Amino acid sequence: MTSLSRTIAAALFALLAVLSPTGAGSAAAALQLSAREVDLGDLGPGETARAQFQISNTAEGRIRWTLAAPQDWEEGGVLSGEAGGRPSKVDVTLVSLREGAGPGDHPVEIRLAAGRDVLVLRRTLAEGPWREALRVESDSGGRTLFVKFNLTDVRSRPALEAEPRGIDLGDMEPVREITRKIRVFNSGAGVLRWQASSGAAGSPSSWARGRYLSLHNEALDAGGPYAPPAALKDALQLTGPWGAEKGYPKAAGAGCALRIPIQGSGAVLSGRSASSSAVLRVSVGDQPPRQATLVDLEGGRFEAVLAEGLPEGPHSLHLQVSEGSVVLEGITVRDSRVTSPPAAWIRLTPLSGTTTRETDFVTVRMNLSGLKPGVYMDLVTISSNGGTVRIPVSFAVTGEAAPKHLTVWRYTRGTDVLFTAHPEKEDPRYIGAYRRAGLAFRLYGPGTAGTAELYRWYNPAIGDHYYSAERSGGRKNLQGYVFGGAIGNIATIRLPGTRELYRWFNPETGRHYFTTDAAGEGMGRRGYRFEGIVGFVLR
């Protein structure tokens, strides 16, 4: 223990002695460890080993204990706790921070966790056997625990890899069956034994009530430019030289940014680090950008909370890579509308297997025919002797097969006009602020000749909706607007039974007004100017 660590431990014991009530401890108390040595075995590049020991009191009263960094280790504080009737459990995690195999030094990290408290120790070591002493001090004496491990230049144990890291079906009609495949392979040594299961029960809190937006595009070639998958092609906007790595977007430094609309109250990003350090900055709507905290996971992966505590509803999320290189896998959006599908909706085959170097495949068969319209999330879990991978499965059921014509309803709040063909699917807290003004017009179903999708945007700062048949919004500056997707198809030429949909604009307020009335419903007298025709709608 370093002199600084001893000073901290002594000061902590003195403080506890002053603050504790009389008789809280016991002169007869005795510190005991459940083991004298923890053997973590061989550890190769990028691998993780775990163990646990207990600190207990063999007599009456309570023992207050501390554990500080041993000499020559970079310390991240002091781990402390109290053992009374129940022992303190301390989890030991040894992580190799080295990425590739071959000769060389091994940067390693030891994480010691007791409850929510964590002590992180870091040091660069040479290949070979190591035996490090961890000193546990208490108000009734001290004990030493030895941590034993052997660093190797090659992988020493099985390591589970599974791709893709998430399945995002997007908006789906209630079809009979959809099939996807998950690749399972062993990136380590030895035999990997794995099992597959489904169900979100007991999943980490980051998955709870969240819709997963996968950034994976399996149609991309390695090394080429990245393009969004079909489910996000109209929503995800990219800036900068994004490359593709195994179908995921890879960004290297400043200049790479993305913008995506989300519907919910928060968002968590998952990805992989492709450099020793990376800096990501995030903003929501008009909020100033802030640096996102990357929480390290196994295998070089990370999670980052991009937003939390937002009011339920549509938001625009902007992410910029300021330094380093990252590979982004997906975004989990916390959404109160999300529910779990029934257990029988998904089937996995096979349910288990073994592999050394070959790739196994798990076939995921999903039956949506019995599901009601809504937003759903489930999990496929691949567990093994080389780790566990949880793969979110996310989708929205939109209802029956798309009709040829869509009835569009008009909702108003002041001069703001909300058009929707499915008011029952809108967020009640969003549409509840508007007054239903009746039938607006009808739009065409997807794929109708002579039509294009009519897109919707919303600016929450000024309370304004905008509509365009162009995904870019035409020549409009849509900064501050949240993309809401397509509400139907609008005719781009005059078809039988159609009439014009006009757009008006107020330059003083920045708001727009949309109507089928050629006179603009008198909005010209209220500071609005005629801007043109959006397209042609059915009467």
Protein backbone atom coordinates (compact mmCIF):
# COMPACT_ATOMS: atom_id res chain seq x y z
CA MET A 1 0.00 0.00 0.00
CA THR A 2 1.35 3.42 -0.90
CA SER A 3 1.89 6.07 1.77
CA LEU A 4 -0.97 8.10 0.30
CA SER A 5 -3.30 5.09 0.48
CA ARG A 6 -2.30 4.45 4.12
CA THR A 7 -3.00 8.07 4.98
CA ILE A 8 -6.44 7.92 3.34
CA ALA A 9 -7.31 4.65 5.09
CA ALA A 10 -6.20 5.99 8.50
CA ALA A 11 -8.15 9.19 8.05
CA LEU A 12 -11.24 7.23 7.04
CA PHE A 13 -11.08 5.02 10.13
CA ALA A 14 -10.65 8.07 12.36
CA LEU A 15 -13.66 9.75 10.82
CA LEU A 16 -15.81 6.63 11.17
CA ALA A 17 -14.80 6.29 14.81
CA VAL A 18 -15.94 9.85 15.54
CA LEU A 19 -19.24 9.55 13.66
CA SER A 20 -20.23 6.06 14.87
CA PRO A 21 -22.47 5.65 17.93
CA THR A 22 -20.93 4.10 21.04
CA GLY A 23 -20.92 0.33 20.92
CA ALA A 24 -21.36 0.11 17.18
CA GLY A 25 -18.15 -1.90 16.87
CA SER A 26 -16.74 -4.65 19.03
CA ALA A 27 -13.32 -5.08 20.57
CA ALA A 28 -13.69 -8.79 19.91
CA ALA A 29 -14.40 -8.26 16.21
CA ALA A 30 -12.06 -10.14 13.87
CA LEU A 31 -11.47 -9.63 10.15
CA GLN A 32 -11.55 -12.72 7.95
CA LEU A 33 -11.26 -13.26 4.20
CA SER A 34 -12.97 -16.16 2.45
CA ALA A 35 -9.77 -16.97 0.54
CA ARG A 36 -6.07 -16.26 0.78
CA GLU A 37 -5.61 -16.34 -2.98
CA VAL A 38 -7.77 -15.84 -6.08
CA ASP A 39 -6.49 -17.61 -9.21
CA LEU A 40 -7.83 -15.98 -12.40
CA GLY A 41 -5.93 -18.32 -14.70
CA ASP A 42 -4.59 -17.42 -18.15
CA LEU A 43 -5.56 -14.09 -19.69
CA GLY A 44 -4.97 -13.28 -23.36
CA PRO A 45 -5.43 -10.04 -25.35
CA GLY A 46 -8.87 -8.51 -24.90
CA GLU A 47 -10.02 -11.18 -22.43
CA THR A 48 -11.77 -10.85 -19.07
CA ALA A 49 -11.59 -13.01 -15.95
CA ARG A 50 -13.79 -12.81 -12.85
CA ALA A 51 -13.81 -14.01 -9.27
CA GLN A 52 -15.34 -13.07 -5.93
CA PHE A 53 -14.23 -13.13 -2.30
CA GLN A 54 -15.91 -12.16 0.95
CA ILE A 55 -14.88 -10.03 3.89
CA SER A 56 -16.53 -11.18 7.11
CA ASN A 57 -16.51 -10.57 10.85
CA THR A 58 -15.95 -13.69 12.99
CA ALA A 59 -17.18 -12.01 16.19
CA GLU A 60 -19.91 -9.64 17.31
CA GLY A 61 -20.28 -6.07 16.13
CA ARG A 62 -19.30 -4.59 12.79
CA ILE A 63 -16.01 -4.25 10.98
CA ARG A 64 -15.21 -1.25 8.83
CA TRP A 65 -12.69 -2.07 6.15
CA THR A 66 -10.82 -0.37 3.31
CA LEU A 67 -8.91 -1.64 0.31
CA ALA A 68 -6.48 0.67 -1.50
CA ALA A 69 -4.23 0.29 -4.53
CA PRO A 70 -1.07 -1.80 -4.09
CA GLN A 71 2.28 -0.25 -4.89
CA ASP A 72 3.08 0.49 -8.57
CA TRP A 73 -0.59 0.40 -9.59
CA GLU A 74 -2.46 3.48 -10.75
CA GLU A 75 -5.27 3.90 -8.28
CA GLY A 76 -8.76 5.30 -8.69
CA GLY A 77 -9.56 5.88 -5.01
CA VAL A 78 -10.22 3.65 -2.00
CA LEU A 79 -12.78 0.86 -1.76
CA SER A 80 -14.48 0.67 1.62
CA GLY A 81 -17.33 -1.15 3.32
CA GLU A 82 -18.71 -2.67 6.48
CA ALA A 83 -19.11 -6.32 7.50
CA GLY A 84 -21.46 -7.27 10.30
CA GLY A 85 -23.95 -10.09 10.43
CA ARG A 86 -23.53 -10.48 6.69
CA PRO A 87 -20.16 -10.54 4.92
CA SER A 88 -19.16 -7.97 2.30
CA LYS A 89 -18.93 -9.45 -1.18
CA VAL A 90 -16.15 -8.08 -3.37
CA ASP A 91 -16.20 -8.80 -7.11
CA VAL A 92 -12.81 -9.00 -8.83
CA THR A 93 -12.67 -8.38 -12.60
CA LEU A 94 -9.38 -8.57 -14.50
CA VAL A 95 -9.51 -7.06 -18.00
CA SER A 96 -6.83 -7.10 -20.69
CA LEU A 97 -6.92 -3.74 -22.47
CA ARG A 98 -4.72 -5.03 -25.25
CA GLU A 99 -6.44 -5.35 -28.63
CA GLY A 100 -4.24 -7.61 -30.80
CA ALA A 101 -2.26 -10.78 -30.26
CA GLY A 102 1.51 -11.08 -30.55
CA PRO A 103 4.49 -10.22 -28.34
CA GLY A 104 4.42 -7.03 -26.33
CA ASP A 105 3.34 -5.46 -23.07
CA HIS A 106 -0.11 -5.99 -21.61
CA PRO A 107 -2.08 -3.00 -20.27
CA VAL A 108 -4.48 -4.51 -17.72
CA GLU A 109 -7.20 -3.27 -15.41
CA ILE A 110 -8.44 -4.73 -12.13
CA ARG A 111 -11.90 -3.65 -11.02
CA LEU A 112 -12.84 -4.28 -7.40
CA ALA A 113 -16.53 -3.72 -6.69
CA ALA A 114 -18.46 -3.89 -3.42
CA GLY A 115 -22.06 -2.92 -3.97
CA ARG A 116 -22.07 0.34 -5.92
CA ASP A 117 -18.51 1.29 -4.94
CA VAL A 118 -15.75 0.49 -7.44
CA LEU A 119 -11.96 0.72 -7.20
CA VAL A 120 -10.17 0.66 -10.56
CA LEU A 121 -6.46 -0.31 -10.74
CA ARG A 122 -4.41 -0.01 -13.94
CA ARG A 123 -0.91 -1.10 -14.86
CA THR A 124 1.10 -2.26 -17.88
CA LEU A 125 2.69 -5.69 -17.33
CA ALA A 126 4.88 -8.10 -19.28
CA GLU A 127 3.83 -11.52 -20.47
CA GLY A 128 4.03 -14.25 -17.84
CA PRO A 129 2.77 -15.16 -14.35
CA TRP A 130 1.85 -12.48 -11.81
CA ARG A 131 0.82 -12.58 -8.15
CA GLU A 132 -0.35 -9.26 -6.74
CA ALA A 133 -1.08 -8.59 -3.05
CA LEU A 134 -4.24 -6.67 -2.08
CA ARG A 135 -4.19 -5.43 1.51
CA VAL A 136 -7.50 -5.16 3.35
CA GLU A 137 -7.27 -2.93 6.44
CA SER A 138 -9.90 -2.67 9.17
CA ASP A 139 -10.40 -1.30 12.65
CA SER A 140 -9.51 -4.78 13.99
CA GLY A 141 -6.42 -5.49 11.92
CA GLY A 142 -5.55 -6.34 8.34
CA ARG A 143 -5.42 -9.28 5.95
CA THR A 144 -3.76 -9.86 2.57
CA LEU A 145 -5.42 -11.37 -0.50
CA PHE A 146 -3.26 -12.50 -3.40
CA VAL A 147 -4.57 -12.20 -6.99
CA LYS A 148 -2.84 -14.68 -9.30
CA PHE A 149 -2.97 -14.64 -13.10
CA ASN A 150 -0.89 -15.47 -16.17
CA LEU A 151 -0.68 -13.04 -19.12
CA THR A 152 -0.33 -14.66 -22.54
CA ASP A 153 0.24 -13.21 -26.00
CA VAL A 154 -2.54 -15.34 -27.53
CA ARG A 155 -6.17 -15.89 -26.67
CA SER A 156 -6.54 -18.45 -23.90
CA ARG A 157 -10.29 -19.03 -23.61
CA PRO A 158 -13.46 -19.04 -25.74
CA ALA A 159 -14.89 -15.64 -26.64
CA LEU A 160 -18.46 -15.29 -27.91
CA GLU A 161 -19.20 -13.01 -30.84
CA ALA A 162 -22.67 -12.58 -32.33
CA GLU A 163 -23.85 -10.46 -35.23
CA PRO A 164 -25.91 -8.44 -35.77
CA ARG A 165 -26.00 -6.79 -32.36
CA GLY A 166 -29.66 -5.86 -32.84
CA ILE A 167 -32.63 -6.60 -35.10
CA ASP A 168 -34.70 -3.60 -36.15
CA LEU A 169 -37.69 -4.51 -38.33
CA GLY A 170 -38.96 -0.94 -38.54
CA ASP A 171 -42.67 -0.40 -39.24
CA MET A 172 -44.34 -3.67 -40.20
CA GLU A 173 -47.74 -4.88 -41.31
CA PRO A 174 -49.04 -7.89 -39.33
CA VAL A 175 -47.51 -10.51 -41.63
CA ARG A 176 -47.47 -14.24 -41.00
CA GLU A 177 -43.72 -14.76 -40.59
CA ILE A 178 -40.42 -12.87 -40.86
CA THR A 179 -37.07 -14.65 -40.71
CA ARG A 180 -33.68 -13.31 -39.69
CA LYS A 181 -30.37 -15.03 -38.90
CA ILE A 182 -27.84 -14.41 -36.12
CA ARG A 183 -24.22 -15.41 -36.70
CA VAL A 184 -22.50 -17.02 -33.70
CA PHE A 185 -18.74 -17.56 -33.72
CA ASN A 186 -15.75 -17.99 -31.43
CA SER A 187 -13.07 -15.29 -31.58
CA GLY A 188 -11.06 -16.93 -28.79
CA ALA A 189 -9.46 -20.31 -28.14
CA GLY A 190 -10.92 -23.70 -27.26
CA VAL A 191 -14.50 -24.85 -27.69
CA LEU A 192 -17.35 -22.36 -27.36
CA ARG A 193 -20.56 -23.87 -25.98
CA TRP A 194 -23.58 -21.61 -26.48
CA GLN A 195 -27.33 -21.55 -25.85
CA ALA A 196 -30.03 -19.30 -27.36
CA SER A 197 -33.17 -18.06 -25.62
CA SER A 198 -35.74 -15.28 -26.00
CA GLY A 199 -37.61 -12.99 -23.65
CA ALA A 200 -36.88 -9.57 -22.10
CA ALA A 201 -37.51 -10.60 -18.48
CA GLY A 202 -34.52 -9.81 -16.30
CA SER A 203 -32.86 -7.72 -18.99
CA PRO A 204 -30.62 -4.75 -18.08
CA SER A 205 -32.38 -1.48 -17.31
CA SER A 206 -30.99 0.14 -20.47
CA TRP A 207 -33.26 -2.17 -22.52
CA ALA A 208 -36.38 -1.56 -20.40
CA ARG A 209 -39.27 -0.04 -22.36
CA GLY A 210 -36.98 0.93 -25.20
CA ARG A 211 -37.20 0.73 -28.97
CA TYR A 212 -33.93 -0.28 -30.60
CA LEU A 213 -32.89 1.56 -33.75
CA SER A 214 -30.24 -0.57 -35.44
CA LEU A 215 -27.62 1.19 -37.56
CA HIS A 216 -26.52 -2.10 -39.14
CA ASN A 217 -26.85 -2.39 -42.92
CA GLU A 218 -26.05 -5.94 -44.00
CA ALA A 219 -26.08 -4.95 -47.69
CA LEU A 220 -22.86 -2.92 -47.41
CA ASP A 221 -19.41 -4.01 -48.52
CA ALA A 222 -16.53 -3.77 -46.06
CA GLY A 223 -14.36 -0.70 -46.53
CA GLY A 224 -16.92 1.19 -48.60
CA PRO A 225 -19.01 4.20 -47.62
CA TYR A 226 -21.81 3.75 -45.10
CA ALA A 227 -25.48 4.08 -46.00
CA PRO A 228 -28.44 3.77 -43.59
CA PRO A 229 -30.49 0.55 -43.52
CA ALA A 230 -33.92 0.52 -45.14
CA ALA A 231 -35.73 1.11 -41.85
CA LEU A 232 -33.83 4.39 -41.32
CA LYS A 233 -33.18 5.57 -44.88
CA ASP A 234 -35.65 8.46 -44.57
CA ALA A 235 -34.80 9.36 -40.97
CA LEU A 236 -31.01 9.19 -40.54
CA GLN A 237 -29.02 12.17 -41.83
CA LEU A 238 -25.22 11.82 -42.05
CA THR A 239 -22.47 14.42 -42.36
CA GLY A 240 -18.81 13.66 -43.02
CA PRO A 241 -16.84 10.66 -44.32
CA TRP A 242 -18.62 7.75 -42.63
CA GLY A 243 -17.17 4.38 -43.58
CA ALA A 244 -18.72 0.92 -43.22
CA GLU A 245 -17.26 -1.75 -40.93
CA LYS A 246 -19.17 -5.04 -41.06
CA GLY A 247 -22.27 -3.03 -42.00
CA TYR A 248 -21.98 -0.53 -39.14
CA PRO A 249 -21.12 3.19 -39.49
CA LYS A 250 -17.50 3.97 -38.59
CA ALA A 251 -16.45 7.54 -37.86
CA ALA A 252 -12.92 8.83 -37.51
CA GLY A 253 -12.68 12.18 -35.77
CA ALA A 254 -14.21 15.59 -36.27
CA GLY A 255 -16.44 16.10 -39.29
CA CYS A 256 -18.52 12.97 -38.77
CA ALA A 257 -21.97 13.70 -37.39
CA LEU A 258 -25.48 12.29 -37.58
CA ARG A 259 -28.97 13.53 -36.90
CA ILE A 260 -31.93 11.26 -36.22
CA PRO A 261 -35.49 11.87 -34.98
CA ILE A 262 -36.55 9.94 -31.90
CA GLN A 263 -39.88 9.46 -30.17
CA GLY A 264 -39.57 9.06 -26.41
CA SER A 265 -37.95 10.43 -23.25
CA GLY A 266 -34.31 9.32 -23.57
CA ALA A 267 -31.71 7.53 -25.68
CA VAL A 268 -28.72 5.22 -25.08
CA LEU A 269 -26.03 4.67 -27.72
CA SER A 270 -24.14 1.38 -28.07
CA GLY A 271 -20.98 0.91 -30.09
CA ARG A 272 -17.33 -0.10 -30.22
CA SER A 273 -14.18 1.95 -29.74
CA ALA A 274 -11.86 1.89 -32.74
CA SER A 275 -9.11 4.01 -31.14
CA SER A 276 -7.50 4.41 -27.72
CA SER A 277 -9.82 7.30 -26.90
CA ALA A 278 -12.85 8.94 -28.42
CA VAL A 279 -14.91 12.05 -27.69
CA LEU A 280 -18.59 12.25 -28.66
CA ARG A 281 -20.74 15.36 -28.29
CA VAL A 282 -24.53 15.22 -28.28
CA SER A 283 -27.42 17.69 -28.34
CA VAL A 284 -31.20 17.38 -28.43
CA GLY A 285 -33.24 19.98 -30.28
CA ASP A 286 -31.94 23.45 -29.50
CA GLN A 287 -30.03 22.38 -26.38
CA PRO A 288 -26.31 23.21 -26.34
CA PRO A 289 -24.03 20.23 -27.13
CA ARG A 290 -22.40 18.33 -24.27
CA GLN A 291 -19.78 15.60 -24.09
CA ALA A 292 -21.25 12.12 -23.75
CA THR A 293 -19.80 9.80 -21.11
CA LEU A 294 -18.70 6.49 -22.63
CA VAL A 295 -19.13 3.57 -20.22
CA ASP A 296 -16.72 0.75 -21.12
CA LEU A 297 -18.14 -2.74 -21.62
CA GLU A 298 -16.44 -6.02 -22.48
CA GLY A 299 -14.83 -6.58 -25.83
CA GLY A 300 -14.02 -2.92 -26.44
CA ARG A 301 -17.67 -1.94 -26.53
CA PHE A 302 -19.31 0.99 -24.79
CA GLU A 303 -22.65 2.52 -23.89
CA ALA A 304 -23.40 6.22 -23.64
CA VAL A 305 -26.52 7.97 -22.35
CA LEU A 306 -27.30 10.53 -25.04
CA ALA A 307 -30.45 11.95 -23.50
CA GLU A 308 -32.66 11.35 -20.47
CA GLY A 309 -35.55 13.05 -18.72
CA LEU A 310 -36.99 14.46 -21.94
CA PRO A 311 -40.73 15.10 -22.21
CA GLU A 312 -42.41 12.22 -24.05
CA GLY A 313 -42.75 13.09 -27.72
CA PRO A 314 -40.73 13.76 -30.87
CA HIS A 315 -37.16 15.08 -30.57
CA SER A 316 -34.21 15.64 -32.88
CA LEU A 317 -30.97 13.98 -31.71
CA HIS A 318 -27.63 15.25 -33.01
CA LEU A 319 -24.37 13.33 -32.43
CA GLN A 320 -20.86 14.44 -33.44
CA VAL A 321 -17.57 12.56 -33.18
CA SER A 322 -15.06 15.19 -32.01
CA GLU A 323 -12.00 12.98 -31.44
CA GLY A 324 -10.93 9.41 -32.05
CA SER A 325 -12.69 6.68 -33.99
CA VAL A 326 -15.86 4.76 -33.11
CA VAL A 327 -18.14 2.16 -34.66
CA LEU A 328 -21.80 2.80 -33.85
CA GLU A 329 -24.15 -0.17 -33.48
CA GLY A 330 -27.53 1.20 -32.45
CA ILE A 331 -29.61 3.55 -30.32
CA THR A 332 -32.13 2.42 -27.71
CA VAL A 333 -34.90 5.01 -27.34
CA ARG A 334 -36.84 4.92 -24.09
CA ASP A 335 -40.50 5.03 -25.09
CA SER A 336 -43.47 4.49 -22.78
CA ARG A 337 -45.45 2.99 -25.66
CA VAL A 338 -43.14 -0.03 -25.93
CA THR A 339 -44.52 -3.39 -24.79
CA SER A 340 -43.31 -6.99 -24.95
CA PRO A 341 -44.88 -9.33 -27.50
CA PRO A 342 -46.39 -12.66 -26.33
CA ALA A 343 -43.92 -15.45 -25.63
CA ALA A 344 -45.05 -17.60 -28.56
CA TRP A 345 -44.39 -14.95 -31.20
CA ILE A 346 -40.72 -15.91 -31.72
CA ARG A 347 -38.99 -19.26 -32.39
CA LEU A 348 -35.25 -19.92 -32.37
CA THR A 349 -33.49 -22.84 -34.07
CA PRO A 350 -31.19 -24.38 -33.02
CA LEU A 351 -31.26 -23.61 -29.30
CA SER A 352 -27.65 -24.64 -28.64
CA GLY A 353 -24.39 -25.57 -30.28
CA THR A 354 -20.60 -25.79 -30.05
CA THR A 355 -17.98 -24.16 -32.23
CA THR A 356 -14.23 -23.69 -32.39
CA ARG A 357 -13.56 -21.70 -35.56
CA GLU A 358 -16.63 -22.29 -37.72
CA THR A 359 -19.66 -19.93 -37.75
CA ASP A 360 -22.98 -21.17 -36.41
CA PHE A 361 -26.33 -19.62 -37.35
CA VAL A 362 -29.42 -19.12 -35.20
CA THR A 363 -32.59 -18.74 -37.26
CA VAL A 364 -35.07 -16.28 -35.74
CA ARG A 365 -38.67 -16.82 -36.94
CA MET A 366 -41.11 -14.08 -35.91
CA ASN A 367 -44.90 -14.30 -36.32
CA LEU A 368 -46.58 -10.86 -36.31
CA SER A 369 -50.03 -11.98 -37.47
CA GLY A 370 -51.57 -12.02 -33.99
CA LEU A 371 -50.12 -8.73 -32.77
CA LYS A 372 -52.18 -5.58 -32.36
CA PRO A 373 -50.87 -2.26 -33.68
CA GLY A 374 -48.19 -0.91 -31.35
CA VAL A 375 -44.47 -0.70 -30.61
CA TYR A 376 -42.75 -3.89 -29.43
CA MET A 377 -39.35 -4.96 -28.07
CA ASP A 378 -37.98 -8.38 -27.19
CA LEU A 379 -34.54 -9.89 -26.59
CA VAL A 380 -32.65 -12.84 -28.00
CA THR A 381 -29.93 -13.90 -25.56
CA ILE A 382 -26.91 -15.94 -26.62
CA SER A 383 -25.17 -17.23 -23.47
CA SER A 384 -21.98 -19.28 -23.45
CA ASN A 385 -18.79 -20.22 -21.64
CA GLY A 386 -17.21 -17.27 -23.45
CA GLY A 387 -19.62 -14.51 -22.50
CA THR A 388 -23.21 -13.41 -23.10
CA VAL A 389 -24.68 -11.27 -25.89
CA ARG A 390 -28.16 -9.75 -25.65
CA ILE A 391 -29.66 -8.87 -29.02
CA PRO A 392 -32.69 -6.55 -28.97
CA VAL A 393 -35.50 -7.18 -31.46
CA SER A 394 -37.59 -4.09 -32.11
CA PHE A 395 -40.47 -3.23 -34.44
CA ALA A 396 -43.79 -1.42 -34.75
CA VAL A 397 -46.96 -3.07 -36.04
CA THR A 398 -48.79 -0.54 -38.18
CA GLY A 399 -52.12 -2.34 -38.71
CA GLU A 400 -53.72 -3.99 -41.71
CA ALA A 401 -52.21 -4.08 -45.20
CA ALA A 402 -51.82 -0.62 -46.68
CA PRO A 403 -55.04 0.62 -48.35
CA LYS A 404 -55.16 2.28 -51.77
CA HIS A 405 -56.40 5.54 -50.24
CA LEU A 406 -55.77 7.05 -46.79
CA THR A 407 -58.18 9.35 -44.97
CA VAL A 408 -56.25 12.26 -43.48
CA TRP A 409 -57.59 14.14 -40.48
CA ARG A 410 -56.87 17.74 -39.60
CA TYR A 411 -55.95 18.83 -36.07
CA THR A 412 -55.26 22.45 -35.13
CA ARG A 413 -53.64 24.39 -32.30
CA GLY A 414 -53.86 28.06 -33.10
CA THR A 415 -52.55 28.40 -36.66
CA ASP A 416 -50.52 25.18 -36.47
CA VAL A 417 -52.00 22.36 -38.56
CA LEU A 418 -51.35 18.67 -37.83
CA PHE A 419 -52.28 16.20 -40.59
CA THR A 420 -52.43 12.50 -39.69
CA ALA A 421 -53.93 9.40 -41.28
CA HIS A 422 -53.67 7.45 -38.02
CA PRO A 423 -54.63 9.62 -35.02
CA GLU A 424 -54.95 6.47 -32.90
CA LYS A 425 -51.23 5.78 -33.36
CA GLU A 426 -50.04 9.25 -32.42
CA ASP A 427 -48.66 9.80 -28.94
CA PRO A 428 -51.69 10.89 -26.83
CA ARG A 429 -49.59 13.54 -25.09
CA TYR A 430 -48.61 14.92 -28.48
CA ILE A 431 -51.93 14.91 -30.32
CA GLY A 432 -53.85 15.72 -27.13
CA ALA A 433 -52.68 19.33 -27.35
CA TYR A 434 -54.58 19.75 -30.65
CA ARG A 435 -58.27 20.17 -31.51
CA ARG A 436 -59.74 17.80 -34.08
CA ALA A 437 -61.05 19.93 -36.95
CA GLY A 438 -62.47 17.13 -39.11
CA LEU A 439 -61.60 15.47 -42.41
CA ALA A 440 -58.83 17.24 -44.33
CA PHE A 441 -58.44 15.20 -47.54
CA ARG A 442 -57.33 11.76 -48.73
CA LEU A 443 -53.87 10.58 -49.75
CA TYR A 444 -52.75 7.65 -51.90
CA GLY A 445 -51.28 4.41 -50.64
CA PRO A 446 -47.61 3.53 -51.19
CA GLY A 447 -46.49 2.62 -54.69
CA THR A 448 -49.24 4.49 -56.54
CA ALA A 449 -48.02 5.73 -59.91
CA GLY A 450 -47.70 9.51 -60.19
CA THR A 451 -47.33 10.00 -56.43
CA ALA A 452 -44.57 10.56 -53.88
CA GLU A 453 -44.45 10.26 -50.11
CA LEU A 454 -45.68 13.32 -48.19
CA TYR A 455 -43.29 13.90 -45.29
CA ARG A 456 -44.01 15.65 -42.01
CA TRP A 457 -41.74 17.71 -39.74
CA TYR A 458 -42.43 19.47 -36.45
CA ASN A 459 -40.62 22.33 -34.70
CA PRO A 460 -41.44 22.11 -30.94
CA ALA A 461 -39.77 25.45 -30.20
CA ILE A 462 -42.23 27.50 -32.29
CA GLY A 463 -45.07 24.97 -32.54
CA ASP A 464 -45.05 24.57 -36.33
CA HIS A 465 -45.65 21.65 -38.70
CA TYR A 466 -44.13 21.49 -42.16
CA TYR A 467 -45.00 19.17 -45.07
CA SER A 468 -43.14 18.39 -48.28
CA ALA A 469 -43.01 15.71 -50.96
CA GLU A 470 -39.20 16.01 -50.89
CA ARG A 471 -37.25 14.21 -48.16
CA SER A 472 -34.86 17.16 -47.96
CA GLY A 473 -37.77 19.54 -47.37
CA GLY A 474 -37.10 21.35 -50.62
CA ARG A 475 -35.26 24.62 -50.25
CA LYS A 476 -36.49 25.19 -46.71
CA ASN A 477 -34.12 25.55 -43.76
CA LEU A 478 -35.47 22.92 -41.38
CA GLN A 479 -33.05 23.51 -38.52
CA GLY A 480 -34.93 22.84 -35.28
CA TYR A 481 -37.53 20.63 -37.00
CA VAL A 482 -38.01 16.97 -36.04
CA PHE A 483 -38.61 14.59 -38.93
CA GLY A 484 -41.86 12.65 -38.44
CA GLY A 485 -41.84 10.34 -41.46
CA ALA A 486 -44.36 9.95 -44.26
CA ILE A 487 -48.10 10.27 -43.66
CA GLY A 488 -49.11 8.91 -47.09
CA ASN A 489 -48.53 9.54 -50.78
CA ILE A 490 -49.42 12.80 -52.50
CA ALA A 491 -49.91 13.15 -56.27
CA THR A 492 -47.11 15.06 -58.00
CA ILE A 493 -49.29 15.59 -61.11
CA ARG A 494 -52.98 16.33 -61.31
CA LEU A 495 -54.77 12.98 -61.16
CA PRO A 496 -58.54 12.46 -61.51
CA GLY A 497 -60.49 13.67 -58.47
CA THR A 498 -57.62 15.67 -56.95
CA ARG A 499 -57.14 19.26 -55.85
CA GLU A 500 -54.19 21.36 -54.76
CA LEU A 501 -52.65 21.43 -51.29
CA TYR A 502 -51.30 24.97 -50.78
CA ARG A 503 -48.53 26.24 -48.50
CA TRP A 504 -48.45 29.67 -46.83
CA PHE A 505 -45.67 31.17 -44.72
CA ASN A 506 -45.45 33.94 -42.09
CA PRO A 507 -41.93 35.47 -42.20
CA GLU A 508 -42.38 37.21 -38.85
CA THR A 509 -43.26 34.09 -36.83
CA GLY A 510 -41.53 31.50 -39.04
CA ARG A 511 -44.73 29.40 -39.08
CA HIS A 512 -46.38 27.67 -42.03
CA TYR A 513 -50.00 27.06 -42.93
CA PHE A 514 -51.32 24.28 -45.20
CA THR A 515 -54.78 24.22 -46.72
CA THR A 516 -56.74 23.12 -49.79
CA ASP A 517 -58.44 26.54 -49.92
CA ALA A 518 -57.01 28.63 -52.77
CA ALA A 519 -57.67 31.79 -50.73
CA GLY A 520 -55.65 30.45 -47.82
CA GLU A 521 -58.62 30.68 -45.43
CA GLY A 522 -57.86 34.39 -45.06
CA MET A 523 -54.34 33.84 -43.73
CA GLY A 524 -53.02 36.53 -46.10
CA ARG A 525 -54.62 39.14 -43.82
CA ARG A 526 -52.70 37.68 -40.86
CA GLY A 527 -49.21 38.16 -42.24
CA TYR A 528 -48.93 34.94 -44.28
CA ARG A 529 -47.58 34.85 -47.83
CA PHE A 530 -48.47 32.32 -50.50
CA GLU A 531 -45.52 29.97 -51.23
CA GLY A 532 -46.92 27.52 -53.75
CA ILE A 533 -48.41 24.06 -54.21
CA VAL A 534 -47.19 21.05 -52.22
CA GLY A 535 -48.97 18.55 -54.47
CA PHE A 536 -52.41 17.19 -55.26
CA VAL A 537 -54.69 15.42 -52.77
CA LEU A 538 -57.93 13.48 -53.22
CA ARG A 539 -61.15 15.24 -52.40
